PDB file of N, CA and C in Angstrom:
ATOM      1  N   UNK A   1      10.259  21.447  -2.887  1.00  0.00           N
ATOM      2  CA  UNK A   1      10.699  20.187  -3.372  1.00  0.00           C
ATOM      3  C   UNK A   1       9.794  19.115  -2.742  1.00  0.00           C
ATOM      4  N   UNK A   2       9.244  18.240  -3.568  1.00  0.00           N
ATOM      5  CA  UNK A   2       8.389  17.095  -3.060  1.00  0.00           C
ATOM      6  C   UNK A   2       9.205  16.063  -2.323  1.00  0.00           C
ATOM      7  N   UNK A   3       8.557  15.744  -1.298  1.00  0.00           N
ATOM      8  CA  UNK A   3       9.118  14.619  -0.345  1.00  0.00           C
ATOM      9  C   UNK A   3       9.071  13.245  -0.958  1.00  0.00           C
ATOM     10  N   UNK A   4      10.082  12.576  -0.921  1.00  0.00           N
ATOM     11  CA  UNK A   4      10.109  11.113  -1.434  1.00  0.00           C
ATOM     12  C   UNK A   4       9.611  10.223  -0.527  1.00  0.00           C
ATOM     13  N   UNK A   5       9.126   8.977  -1.042  1.00  0.00           N
ATOM     14  CA  UNK A   5       8.688   7.947  -0.148  1.00  0.00           C
ATOM     15  C   UNK A   5       9.622   7.599   1.021  1.00  0.00           C
ATOM     16  N   UNK A   6      10.929   7.514   0.618  1.00  0.00           N
ATOM     17  CA  UNK A   6      11.959   7.146   1.592  1.00  0.00           C
ATOM     18  C   UNK A   6      12.095   8.126   2.661  1.00  0.00           C
ATOM     19  N   UNK A   7      11.892   9.402   2.383  1.00  0.00           N
ATOM     20  CA  UNK A   7      11.915  10.504   3.497  1.00  0.00           C
ATOM     21  C   UNK A   7      10.754  10.366   4.362  1.00  0.00           C
ATOM     22  N   UNK A   8       9.545   9.971   3.826  1.00  0.00           N
ATOM     23  CA  UNK A   8       8.420   9.686   4.617  1.00  0.00           C
ATOM     24  C   UNK A   8       8.583   8.578   5.650  1.00  0.00           C
ATOM     25  N   UNK A   9       9.147   7.542   5.031  1.00  0.00           N
ATOM     26  CA  UNK A   9       9.372   6.338   5.786  1.00  0.00           C
ATOM     27  C   UNK A   9      10.293   6.591   6.937  1.00  0.00           C
ATOM     28  N   UNK A  10      11.377   7.203   6.553  1.00  0.00           N
ATOM     29  CA  UNK A  10      12.496   7.558   7.620  1.00  0.00           C
ATOM     30  C   UNK A  10      11.879   8.501   8.710  1.00  0.00           C
ATOM     31  N   UNK A  11      11.089   9.406   8.354  1.00  0.00           N
ATOM     32  CA  UNK A  11      10.442  10.298   9.365  1.00  0.00           C
ATOM     33  C   UNK A  11       9.529   9.670  10.228  1.00  0.00           C
ATOM     34  N   UNK A  12       8.675   8.803   9.730  1.00  0.00           N
ATOM     35  CA  UNK A  12       7.737   8.024  10.559  1.00  0.00           C
ATOM     36  C   UNK A  12       8.411   7.063  11.461  1.00  0.00           C
ATOM     37  N   UNK A  13       9.530   6.311  10.868  1.00  0.00           N
ATOM     38  CA  UNK A  13      10.383   5.327  11.642  1.00  0.00           C
ATOM     39  C   UNK A  13      10.974   6.120  12.814  1.00  0.00           C
ATOM     40  N   UNK A  14      11.440   7.334  12.582  1.00  0.00           N
ATOM     41  CA  UNK A  14      12.071   8.126  13.718  1.00  0.00           C
ATOM     42  C   UNK A  14      11.028   8.471  14.726  1.00  0.00           C
ATOM     43  N   UNK A  15       9.790   8.899  14.193  1.00  0.00           N
ATOM     44  CA  UNK A  15       8.774   9.293  15.079  1.00  0.00           C
ATOM     45  C   UNK A  15       8.232   8.118  16.086  1.00  0.00           C
ATOM     46  N   UNK A  16       8.399   6.923  15.446  1.00  0.00           N
ATOM     47  CA  UNK A  16       8.053   5.596  16.124  1.00  0.00           C
ATOM     48  C   UNK A  16       9.187   5.206  17.099  1.00  0.00           C
ATOM     49  N   UNK A  17      10.304   5.790  16.917  1.00  0.00           N
ATOM     50  CA  UNK A  17      11.444   5.353  17.723  1.00  0.00           C
ATOM     51  C   UNK A  17      12.115   4.067  17.279  1.00  0.00           C
ATOM     52  N   UNK A  18      11.923   3.727  16.029  1.00  0.00           N
ATOM     53  CA  UNK A  18      12.670   2.484  15.474  1.00  0.00           C
ATOM     54  C   UNK A  18      13.871   2.783  14.792  1.00  0.00           C
ATOM     55  N   UNK A  19      14.905   2.011  15.196  1.00  0.00           N
ATOM     56  CA  UNK A  19      16.100   1.930  14.377  1.00  0.00           C
ATOM     57  C   UNK A  19      15.972   1.457  12.991  1.00  0.00           C
ATOM     58  N   UNK A  20      16.813   1.534  12.004  1.00  0.00           N
ATOM     59  CA  UNK A  20      16.751   0.986  10.736  1.00  0.00           C
ATOM     60  C   UNK A  20      16.752  -0.590  10.906  1.00  0.00           C
ATOM     61  N   UNK A  21      17.501  -1.210  11.772  1.00  0.00           N
ATOM     62  CA  UNK A  21      17.450  -2.536  11.923  1.00  0.00           C
ATOM     63  C   UNK A  21      16.150  -3.051  12.489  1.00  0.00           C
ATOM     64  N   UNK A  22      15.601  -2.361  13.484  1.00  0.00           N
ATOM     65  CA  UNK A  22      14.404  -2.806  14.054  1.00  0.00           C
ATOM     66  C   UNK A  22      13.290  -2.692  13.112  1.00  0.00           C
ATOM     67  N   UNK A  23      13.128  -1.725  12.282  1.00  0.00           N
ATOM     68  CA  UNK A  23      12.108  -1.643  11.137  1.00  0.00           C
ATOM     69  C   UNK A  23      12.118  -2.678  10.168  1.00  0.00           C
ATOM     70  N   UNK A  24      13.547  -2.917   9.762  1.00  0.00           N
ATOM     71  CA  UNK A  24      13.700  -3.868   8.718  1.00  0.00           C
ATOM     72  C   UNK A  24      13.244  -5.305   9.304  1.00  0.00           C
ATOM     73  N   UNK A  25      13.606  -5.616  10.532  1.00  0.00           N
ATOM     74  CA  UNK A  25      13.248  -6.789  11.238  1.00  0.00           C
ATOM     75  C   UNK A  25      11.676  -6.954  11.339  1.00  0.00           C
ATOM     76  N   UNK A  26      11.124  -5.768  11.816  1.00  0.00           N
ATOM     77  CA  UNK A  26       9.670  -5.816  12.121  1.00  0.00           C
ATOM     78  C   UNK A  26       8.887  -6.094  10.743  1.00  0.00           C
ATOM     79  N   UNK A  27       9.416  -5.499   9.625  1.00  0.00           N
ATOM     80  CA  UNK A  27       8.650  -5.647   8.301  1.00  0.00           C
ATOM     81  C   UNK A  27       9.185  -6.760   7.528  1.00  0.00           C
ATOM     82  N   UNK A  28      10.177  -7.393   8.006  1.00  0.00           N
ATOM     83  CA  UNK A  28      10.744  -8.575   7.168  1.00  0.00           C
ATOM     84  C   UNK A  28      11.285  -8.202   5.832  1.00  0.00           C
ATOM     85  N   UNK A  29      12.049  -7.090   5.841  1.00  0.00           N
ATOM     86  CA  UNK A  29      12.753  -6.627   4.630  1.00  0.00           C
ATOM     87  C   UNK A  29      14.206  -6.512   4.957  1.00  0.00           C
ATOM     88  N   UNK A  30      15.068  -6.428   3.845  1.00  0.00           N
ATOM     89  CA  UNK A  30      16.459  -6.382   4.011  1.00  0.00           C
ATOM     90  C   UNK A  30      16.824  -4.924   4.468  1.00  0.00           C
ATOM     91  N   UNK A  31      17.493  -4.840   5.460  1.00  0.00           N
ATOM     92  CA  UNK A  31      18.056  -3.595   6.174  1.00  0.00           C
ATOM     93  C   UNK A  31      18.687  -2.734   4.978  1.00  0.00           C
ATOM     94  N   UNK A  32      19.479  -3.297   4.252  1.00  0.00           N
ATOM     95  CA  UNK A  32      20.279  -2.606   3.196  1.00  0.00           C
ATOM     96  C   UNK A  32      19.150  -2.017   2.099  1.00  0.00           C
ATOM     97  N   UNK A  33      18.187  -2.635   1.862  1.00  0.00           N
ATOM     98  CA  UNK A  33      17.171  -2.229   0.849  1.00  0.00           C
ATOM     99  C   UNK A  33      16.438  -1.062   1.545  1.00  0.00           C
ATOM    100  N   UNK A  34      16.092  -1.228   2.765  1.00  0.00           N
ATOM    101  CA  UNK A  34      15.304  -0.101   3.500  1.00  0.00           C
ATOM    102  C   UNK A  34      16.129   1.055   3.503  1.00  0.00           C
ATOM    103  N   UNK A  35      17.581   0.955   3.780  1.00  0.00           N
ATOM    104  CA  UNK A  35      18.433   1.993   3.898  1.00  0.00           C
ATOM    105  C   UNK A  35      18.507   2.763   2.500  1.00  0.00           C
ATOM    106  N   UNK A  36      18.534   2.014   1.449  1.00  0.00           N
ATOM    107  CA  UNK A  36      18.535   2.566   0.052  1.00  0.00           C
ATOM    108  C   UNK A  36      17.281   3.296  -0.265  1.00  0.00           C
ATOM    109  N   UNK A  37      16.130   2.729   0.150  1.00  0.00           N
ATOM    110  CA  UNK A  37      14.854   3.482  -0.087  1.00  0.00           C
ATOM    111  C   UNK A  37      14.899   4.740   0.654  1.00  0.00           C
ATOM    112  N   UNK A  38      15.339   4.804   1.963  1.00  0.00           N
ATOM    113  CA  UNK A  38      15.316   5.981   2.812  1.00  0.00           C
ATOM    114  C   UNK A  38      16.144   6.971   2.200  1.00  0.00           C
ATOM    115  N   UNK A  39      17.201   6.564   1.631  1.00  0.00           N
ATOM    116  CA  UNK A  39      18.315   7.591   1.137  1.00  0.00           C
ATOM    117  C   UNK A  39      17.977   7.920  -0.387  1.00  0.00           C
ATOM    118  N   UNK A  40      16.769   7.453  -0.799  1.00  0.00           N
ATOM    119  CA  UNK A  40      16.413   7.633  -2.216  1.00  0.00           C
ATOM    120  C   UNK A  40      17.378   7.176  -3.329  1.00  0.00           C
ATOM    121  N   UNK A  41      18.140   6.142  -2.872  1.00  0.00           N
ATOM    122  CA  UNK A  41      18.994   5.434  -3.919  1.00  0.00           C
ATOM    123  C   UNK A  41      18.057   4.546  -4.760  1.00  0.00           C
ATOM    124  N   UNK A  42      17.202   3.829  -3.961  1.00  0.00           N
ATOM    125  CA  UNK A  42      16.123   3.051  -4.599  1.00  0.00           C
ATOM    126  C   UNK A  42      14.903   3.815  -4.464  1.00  0.00           C
ATOM    127  N   UNK A  43      14.487   4.398  -5.564  1.00  0.00           N
ATOM    128  CA  UNK A  43      13.273   5.460  -5.479  1.00  0.00           C
ATOM    129  C   UNK A  43      11.986   4.887  -5.948  1.00  0.00           C
ATOM    130  N   UNK A  44      11.996   3.523  -6.347  1.00  0.00           N
ATOM    131  CA  UNK A  44      10.742   2.944  -6.871  1.00  0.00           C
ATOM    132  C   UNK A  44      10.554   1.565  -6.209  1.00  0.00           C
ATOM    133  N   UNK A  45      10.349   1.484  -4.857  1.00  0.00           N
ATOM    134  CA  UNK A  45      10.181   0.251  -4.207  1.00  0.00           C
ATOM    135  C   UNK A  45       8.903  -0.395  -4.573  1.00  0.00           C
ATOM    136  N   UNK A  46       8.819  -1.757  -4.611  1.00  0.00           N
ATOM    137  CA  UNK A  46       7.764  -2.577  -4.834  1.00  0.00           C
ATOM    138  C   UNK A  46       6.577  -2.271  -3.988  1.00  0.00           C
ATOM    139  N   UNK A  47       5.347  -2.634  -4.396  1.00  0.00           N
ATOM    140  CA  UNK A  47       4.159  -2.548  -3.619  1.00  0.00           C
ATOM    141  C   UNK A  47       4.174  -3.387  -2.475  1.00  0.00           C
ATOM    142  N   UNK A  48       4.868  -4.662  -2.582  1.00  0.00           N
ATOM    143  CA  UNK A  48       4.993  -5.543  -1.518  1.00  0.00           C
ATOM    144  C   UNK A  48       5.745  -4.911  -0.433  1.00  0.00           C
ATOM    145  N   UNK A  49       6.902  -4.350  -0.775  1.00  0.00           N
ATOM    146  CA  UNK A  49       7.800  -3.700   0.287  1.00  0.00           C
ATOM    147  C   UNK A  49       7.017  -2.524   1.040  1.00  0.00           C
ATOM    148  N   UNK A  50       6.286  -1.627   0.200  1.00  0.00           N
ATOM    149  CA  UNK A  50       5.483  -0.649   0.705  1.00  0.00           C
ATOM    150  C   UNK A  50       4.460  -1.142   1.606  1.00  0.00           C
ATOM    151  N   UNK A  51       3.752  -2.275   1.348  1.00  0.00           N
ATOM    152  CA  UNK A  51       2.739  -2.792   2.276  1.00  0.00           C
ATOM    153  C   UNK A  51       3.356  -3.351   3.497  1.00  0.00           C
ATOM    154  N   UNK A  52       4.572  -3.946   3.441  1.00  0.00           N
ATOM    155  CA  UNK A  52       5.167  -4.519   4.536  1.00  0.00           C
ATOM    156  C   UNK A  52       5.652  -3.423   5.604  1.00  0.00           C
ATOM    157  N   UNK A  53       6.137  -2.303   4.969  1.00  0.00           N
ATOM    158  CA  UNK A  53       6.670  -1.115   5.827  1.00  0.00           C
ATOM    159  C   UNK A  53       5.496  -0.414   6.418  1.00  0.00           C
ATOM    160  N   UNK A  54       4.291  -0.227   5.565  1.00  0.00           N
ATOM    161  CA  UNK A  54       3.087   0.337   6.117  1.00  0.00           C
ATOM    162  C   UNK A  54       2.605  -0.325   7.325  1.00  0.00           C
ATOM    163  N   UNK A  55       2.396  -1.669   7.116  1.00  0.00           N
ATOM    164  CA  UNK A  55       2.032  -2.512   8.185  1.00  0.00           C
ATOM    165  C   UNK A  55       2.882  -2.440   9.515  1.00  0.00           C
ATOM    166  N   UNK A  56       4.298  -2.466   9.215  1.00  0.00           N
ATOM    167  CA  UNK A  56       5.137  -2.455  10.337  1.00  0.00           C
ATOM    168  C   UNK A  56       4.963  -1.113  11.162  1.00  0.00           C
ATOM    169  N   UNK A  57       4.829   0.014  10.374  1.00  0.00           N
ATOM    170  CA  UNK A  57       4.676   1.283  10.951  1.00  0.00           C
ATOM    171  C   UNK A  57       3.351   1.689  11.399  1.00  0.00           C
ATOM    172  N   UNK A  58       2.388   0.739  11.043  1.00  0.00           N
ATOM    173  CA  UNK A  58       0.907   1.018  11.395  1.00  0.00           C
ATOM    174  C   UNK A  58       0.416   2.238  10.812  1.00  0.00           C
ATOM    175  N   UNK A  59       0.658   2.455   9.516  1.00  0.00           N
ATOM    176  CA  UNK A  59       0.226   3.541   8.701  1.00  0.00           C
ATOM    177  C   UNK A  59      -0.431   3.091   7.487  1.00  0.00           C
ATOM    178  N   UNK A  60      -1.143   3.959   6.780  1.00  0.00           N
ATOM    179  CA  UNK A  60      -1.728   3.552   5.592  1.00  0.00           C
ATOM    180  C   UNK A  60      -0.706   3.653   4.433  1.00  0.00           C
ATOM    181  N   UNK A  61      -0.905   2.736   3.414  1.00  0.00           N
ATOM    182  CA  UNK A  61      -0.137   2.806   2.236  1.00  0.00           C
ATOM    183  C   UNK A  61      -0.163   4.186   1.575  1.00  0.00           C
ATOM    184  N   UNK A  62      -1.343   4.744   1.512  1.00  0.00           N
ATOM    185  CA  UNK A  62      -1.614   6.174   0.929  1.00  0.00           C
ATOM    186  C   UNK A  62      -0.645   7.176   1.725  1.00  0.00           C
ATOM    187  N   UNK A  63      -0.550   7.103   3.099  1.00  0.00           N
ATOM    188  CA  UNK A  63       0.470   7.966   3.823  1.00  0.00           C
ATOM    189  C   UNK A  63       1.837   7.786   3.293  1.00  0.00           C
ATOM    190  N   UNK A  64       2.279   6.534   3.050  1.00  0.00           N
ATOM    191  CA  UNK A  64       3.620   6.357   2.551  1.00  0.00           C
ATOM    192  C   UNK A  64       3.800   7.014   1.107  1.00  0.00           C
ATOM    193  N   UNK A  65       2.771   6.704   0.377  1.00  0.00           N
ATOM    194  CA  UNK A  65       2.944   7.201  -1.006  1.00  0.00           C
ATOM    195  C   UNK A  65       2.769   8.548  -1.339  1.00  0.00           C
ATOM    196  N   UNK A  66       1.784   9.189  -0.545  1.00  0.00           N
ATOM    197  CA  UNK A  66       1.336  10.547  -0.886  1.00  0.00           C
ATOM    198  C   UNK A  66       1.594  11.522   0.267  1.00  0.00           C
ATOM    199  N   UNK A  67       2.033  11.075   1.392  1.00  0.00           N
ATOM    200  CA  UNK A  67       2.103  11.998   2.572  1.00  0.00           C
ATOM    201  C   UNK A  67       0.874  12.600   2.924  1.00  0.00           C
ATOM    202  N   UNK A  68       0.773  13.879   3.260  1.00  0.00           N
ATOM    203  CA  UNK A  68      -0.427  14.527   3.735  1.00  0.00           C
ATOM    204  C   UNK A  68      -1.305  14.969   2.570  1.00  0.00           C
ATOM    205  N   UNK A  69      -0.811  14.849   1.316  1.00  0.00           N
ATOM    206  CA  UNK A  69      -1.537  15.039   0.179  1.00  0.00           C
ATOM    207  C   UNK A  69      -2.644  14.136   0.040  1.00  0.00           C
ATOM    208  N   UNK A  70      -3.874  14.521  -0.467  1.00  0.00           N
ATOM    209  CA  UNK A  70      -4.831  13.520  -0.781  1.00  0.00           C
ATOM    210  C   UNK A  70      -4.397  12.602  -1.935  1.00  0.00           C
ATOM    211  N   UNK A  71      -4.686  11.322  -1.873  1.00  0.00           N
ATOM    212  CA  UNK A  71      -4.453  10.425  -2.946  1.00  0.00           C
ATOM    213  C   UNK A  71      -5.189  10.758  -4.103  1.00  0.00           C
ATOM    214  N   UNK A  72      -4.715  10.596  -5.308  1.00  0.00           N
ATOM    215  CA  UNK A  72      -5.347  10.952  -6.507  1.00  0.00           C
ATOM    216  C   UNK A  72      -6.621   9.941  -6.595  1.00  0.00           C
ATOM    217  N   UNK A  73      -7.690  10.584  -7.040  1.00  0.00           N
ATOM    218  CA  UNK A  73      -8.960   9.851  -7.195  1.00  0.00           C
ATOM    219  C   UNK A  73      -8.781   8.841  -8.354  1.00  0.00           C
ATOM    220  N   UNK A  74      -8.814   7.559  -8.029  1.00  0.00           N
ATOM    221  CA  UNK A  74      -8.668   6.516  -9.027  1.00  0.00           C
ATOM    222  C   UNK A  74     -10.082   6.002  -9.365  1.00  0.00           C
ATOM    223  N   UNK A  75     -11.003   6.093  -8.560  1.00  0.00           N
ATOM    224  CA  UNK A  75     -12.358   5.457  -8.819  1.00  0.00           C
ATOM    225  C   UNK A  75     -13.297   6.763  -8.749  1.00  0.00           C
ATOM    226  N   UNK A  76     -14.333   6.712  -9.584  1.00  0.00           N
ATOM    227  CA  UNK A  76     -15.427   7.683  -9.438  1.00  0.00           C
ATOM    228  C   UNK A  76     -16.080   7.361  -8.026  1.00  0.00           C
ATOM    229  N   UNK A  77     -16.768   8.274  -7.598  1.00  0.00           N
ATOM    230  CA  UNK A  77     -17.445   8.155  -6.246  1.00  0.00           C
ATOM    231  C   UNK A  77     -18.339   6.978  -6.156  1.00  0.00           C
ATOM    232  N   UNK A  78     -19.171   6.661  -7.180  1.00  0.00           N
ATOM    233  CA  UNK A  78     -19.926   5.337  -7.211  1.00  0.00           C
ATOM    234  C   UNK A  78     -19.235   4.198  -7.011  1.00  0.00           C
ATOM    235  N   UNK A  79     -18.154   3.993  -7.701  1.00  0.00           N
ATOM    236  CA  UNK A  79     -17.322   2.828  -7.629  1.00  0.00           C
ATOM    237  C   UNK A  79     -16.660   2.700  -6.222  1.00  0.00           C
ATOM    238  N   UNK A  80     -16.192   3.825  -5.728  1.00  0.00           N
ATOM    239  CA  UNK A  80     -15.587   3.922  -4.442  1.00  0.00           C
ATOM    240  C   UNK A  80     -16.576   3.389  -3.178  1.00  0.00           C
ATOM    241  N   UNK A  81     -17.910   3.872  -3.509  1.00  0.00           N
ATOM    242  CA  UNK A  81     -18.911   3.514  -2.611  1.00  0.00           C
ATOM    243  C   UNK A  81     -19.256   1.954  -2.698  1.00  0.00           C
ATOM    244  N   UNK A  82     -19.335   1.425  -3.831  1.00  0.00           N
ATOM    245  CA  UNK A  82     -19.483   0.055  -3.992  1.00  0.00           C
ATOM    246  C   UNK A  82     -18.284  -0.784  -3.268  1.00  0.00           C
ATOM    247  N   UNK A  83     -17.210  -0.414  -3.618  1.00  0.00           N
ATOM    248  CA  UNK A  83     -16.109  -1.094  -2.917  1.00  0.00           C
ATOM    249  C   UNK A  83     -16.052  -1.045  -1.519  1.00  0.00           C
ATOM    250  N   UNK A  84     -16.301   0.162  -0.939  1.00  0.00           N
ATOM    251  CA  UNK A  84     -16.490   0.335   0.453  1.00  0.00           C
ATOM    252  C   UNK A  84     -17.573  -0.452   1.071  1.00  0.00           C
ATOM    253  N   UNK A  85     -18.738  -0.523   0.414  1.00  0.00           N
ATOM    254  CA  UNK A  85     -19.946  -1.377   0.725  1.00  0.00           C
ATOM    255  C   UNK A  85     -19.466  -2.845   0.800  1.00  0.00           C
ATOM    256  N   UNK A  86     -18.744  -3.342  -0.241  1.00  0.00           N
ATOM    257  CA  UNK A  86     -18.331  -4.675  -0.257  1.00  0.00           C
ATOM    258  C   UNK A  86     -17.230  -4.995   0.934  1.00  0.00           C
ATOM    259  N   UNK A  87     -16.424  -4.031   1.213  1.00  0.00           N
ATOM    260  CA  UNK A  87     -15.502  -4.181   2.403  1.00  0.00           C
ATOM    261  C   UNK A  87     -16.243  -4.292   3.649  1.00  0.00           C
ATOM    262  N   UNK A  88     -17.153  -3.394   3.896  1.00  0.00           N
ATOM    263  CA  UNK A  88     -17.845  -3.357   5.221  1.00  0.00           C
ATOM    264  C   UNK A  88     -18.813  -4.457   5.399  1.00  0.00           C
ATOM    265  N   UNK A  89     -19.346  -5.141   4.331  1.00  0.00           N
ATOM    266  CA  UNK A  89     -20.206  -6.199   4.444  1.00  0.00           C
ATOM    267  C   UNK A  89     -19.549  -7.571   4.685  1.00  0.00           C
ATOM    268  N   UNK A  90     -18.103  -7.481   4.648  1.00  0.00           N
ATOM    269  CA  UNK A  90     -17.324  -8.613   4.948  1.00  0.00           C
ATOM    270  C   UNK A  90     -16.842  -9.459   3.692  1.00  0.00           C
ATOM    271  N   UNK A  91     -17.190  -9.003   2.496  1.00  0.00           N
ATOM    272  CA  UNK A  91     -16.707  -9.569   1.287  1.00  0.00           C
ATOM    273  C   UNK A  91     -15.179  -9.557   1.368  1.00  0.00           C
ATOM    274  N   UNK A  92     -14.567 -10.811   1.186  1.00  0.00           N
ATOM    275  CA  UNK A  92     -13.132 -10.846   1.106  1.00  0.00           C
ATOM    276  C   UNK A  92     -12.600 -10.509  -0.203  1.00  0.00           C
ATOM    277  N   UNK A  93     -11.334 -10.109  -0.347  1.00  0.00           N
ATOM    278  CA  UNK A  93     -10.736  -9.850  -1.623  1.00  0.00           C
ATOM    279  C   UNK A  93     -10.824 -11.101  -2.586  1.00  0.00           C
ATOM    280  N   UNK A  94     -10.623 -12.247  -2.012  1.00  0.00           N
ATOM    281  CA  UNK A  94     -10.665 -13.478  -2.928  1.00  0.00           C
ATOM    282  C   UNK A  94     -12.089 -13.756  -3.357  1.00  0.00           C
ATOM    283  N   UNK A  95     -13.180 -13.527  -2.542  1.00  0.00           N
ATOM    284  CA  UNK A  95     -14.558 -13.651  -3.000  1.00  0.00           C
ATOM    285  C   UNK A  95     -14.800 -12.623  -3.993  1.00  0.00           C
ATOM    286  N   UNK A  96     -14.332 -11.467  -3.888  1.00  0.00           N
ATOM    287  CA  UNK A  96     -14.532 -10.326  -4.866  1.00  0.00           C
ATOM    288  C   UNK A  96     -13.875 -10.717  -6.120  1.00  0.00           C
ATOM    289  N   UNK A  97     -12.619 -11.181  -6.191  1.00  0.00           N
ATOM    290  CA  UNK A  97     -11.939 -11.560  -7.332  1.00  0.00           C
ATOM    291  C   UNK A  97     -12.630 -12.797  -8.051  1.00  0.00           C
ATOM    292  N   UNK A  98     -13.079 -13.778  -7.221  1.00  0.00           N
ATOM    293  CA  UNK A  98     -13.837 -14.878  -7.763  1.00  0.00           C
ATOM    294  C   UNK A  98     -15.137 -14.421  -8.419  1.00  0.00           C
ATOM    295  N   UNK A  99     -15.817 -13.471  -7.927  1.00  0.00           N
ATOM    296  CA  UNK A  99     -17.061 -12.941  -8.547  1.00  0.00           C
ATOM    297  C   UNK A  99     -16.738 -12.271  -9.783  1.00  0.00           C
ATOM    298  N   UNK A 100     -15.711 -11.504  -9.843  1.00  0.00           N
ATOM    299  CA  UNK A 100     -15.255 -10.868 -11.236  1.00  0.00           C
ATOM    300  C   UNK A 100     -14.983 -12.047 -12.195  1.00  0.00           C
ATOM    301  N   UNK A 101     -14.155 -12.962 -11.888  1.00  0.00           N
ATOM    302  CA  UNK A 101     -13.832 -13.945 -12.829  1.00  0.00           C
ATOM    303  C   UNK A 101     -15.089 -14.765 -13.237  1.00  0.00           C
ATOM    304  N   UNK A 102     -16.033 -14.946 -12.392  1.00  0.00           N
ATOM    305  CA  UNK A 102     -17.292 -15.650 -12.815  1.00  0.00           C
ATOM    306  C   UNK A 102     -17.976 -14.806 -13.829  1.00  0.00           C
ATOM    307  N   UNK A 103     -18.091 -13.422 -13.467  1.00  0.00           N
ATOM    308  CA  UNK A 103     -18.735 -12.574 -14.476  1.00  0.00           C
ATOM    309  C   UNK A 103     -18.051 -12.465 -15.803  1.00  0.00           C
ATOM    310  N   UNK A 104     -16.705 -12.492 -15.743  1.00  0.00           N
ATOM    311  CA  UNK A 104     -16.036 -12.516 -17.147  1.00  0.00           C
ATOM    312  C   UNK A 104     -16.276 -13.870 -17.879  1.00  0.00           C
ATOM    313  N   UNK A 105     -16.267 -14.984 -17.056  1.00  0.00           N
ATOM    314  CA  UNK A 105     -16.590 -16.211 -17.714  1.00  0.00           C
ATOM    315  C   UNK A 105     -17.985 -16.245 -18.371  1.00  0.00           C
ATOM    316  N   UNK A 106     -18.880 -15.795 -17.538  1.00  0.00           N
ATOM    317  CA  UNK A 106     -20.468 -15.614 -17.864  1.00  0.00           C
ATOM    318  C   UNK A 106     -20.400 -14.842 -19.218  1.00  0.00           C
ATOM    319  N   UNK A 107     -19.865 -13.686 -19.231  1.00  0.00           N
ATOM    320  CA  UNK A 107     -19.937 -12.832 -20.439  1.00  0.00           C
ATOM    321  C   UNK A 107     -19.309 -13.568 -21.633  1.00  0.00           C
ATOM    322  N   UNK A 108     -18.270 -14.159 -21.479  1.00  0.00           N
ATOM    323  CA  UNK A 108     -17.533 -14.937 -22.641  1.00  0.00           C
ATOM    324  C   UNK A 108     -18.484 -16.038 -23.058  1.00  0.00           C
ATOM    325  N   UNK A 109     -19.234 -16.707 -22.231  1.00  0.00           N
ATOM    326  CA  UNK A 109     -20.087 -17.798 -22.579  1.00  0.00           C
ATOM    327  C   UNK A 109     -21.233 -17.241 -23.491  1.00  0.00           C
ATOM    328  N   UNK A 110     -21.724 -16.039 -23.272  1.00  0.00           N
ATOM    329  CA  UNK A 110     -22.712 -15.502 -24.073  1.00  0.00           C
ATOM    330  C   UNK A 110     -22.298 -15.005 -25.356  1.00  0.00           C
ATOM    331  N   UNK A 111     -20.972 -14.718 -25.504  1.00  0.00           N
ATOM    332  CA  UNK A 111     -20.518 -14.222 -26.860  1.00  0.00           C
ATOM    333  C   UNK A 111     -20.385 -15.324 -27.926  1.00  0.00           C
TER     334      UNK A 111
END
C-alpha cells in the first residue's frame, strides 16, 4: 500500500522529535489541520501547507509528496537544465516571471 503524505509528515516529525503542537507552531499551521493531514482525514493539503511543513522539517517538498520514490519528470532534461542554470546564476522567481510576462507581451505586440 502506498504511503500517504500525512504518514510521511508524521514519520519525519517523529524522527525530528517534534510533538504535533511543536511542528504546527514551527510551521505556523493549525494543529487540528496538521493532525487531520497526518491521519489522512484531510488527504489533499494545499501546496502552501506542504511548503510550510517542508520548511519547518527542513526537507524538500518532493520528499513529502513522493517519499523515496523519484518525482515524476515534469520537464524534459533541457528545460530542467535551463531552470537550474537560472537558479544558480541568481535569477529570482520574480525576475523569471517578469521576463516571461515581457516575452508574452512582446509576442502579443507582434501579432
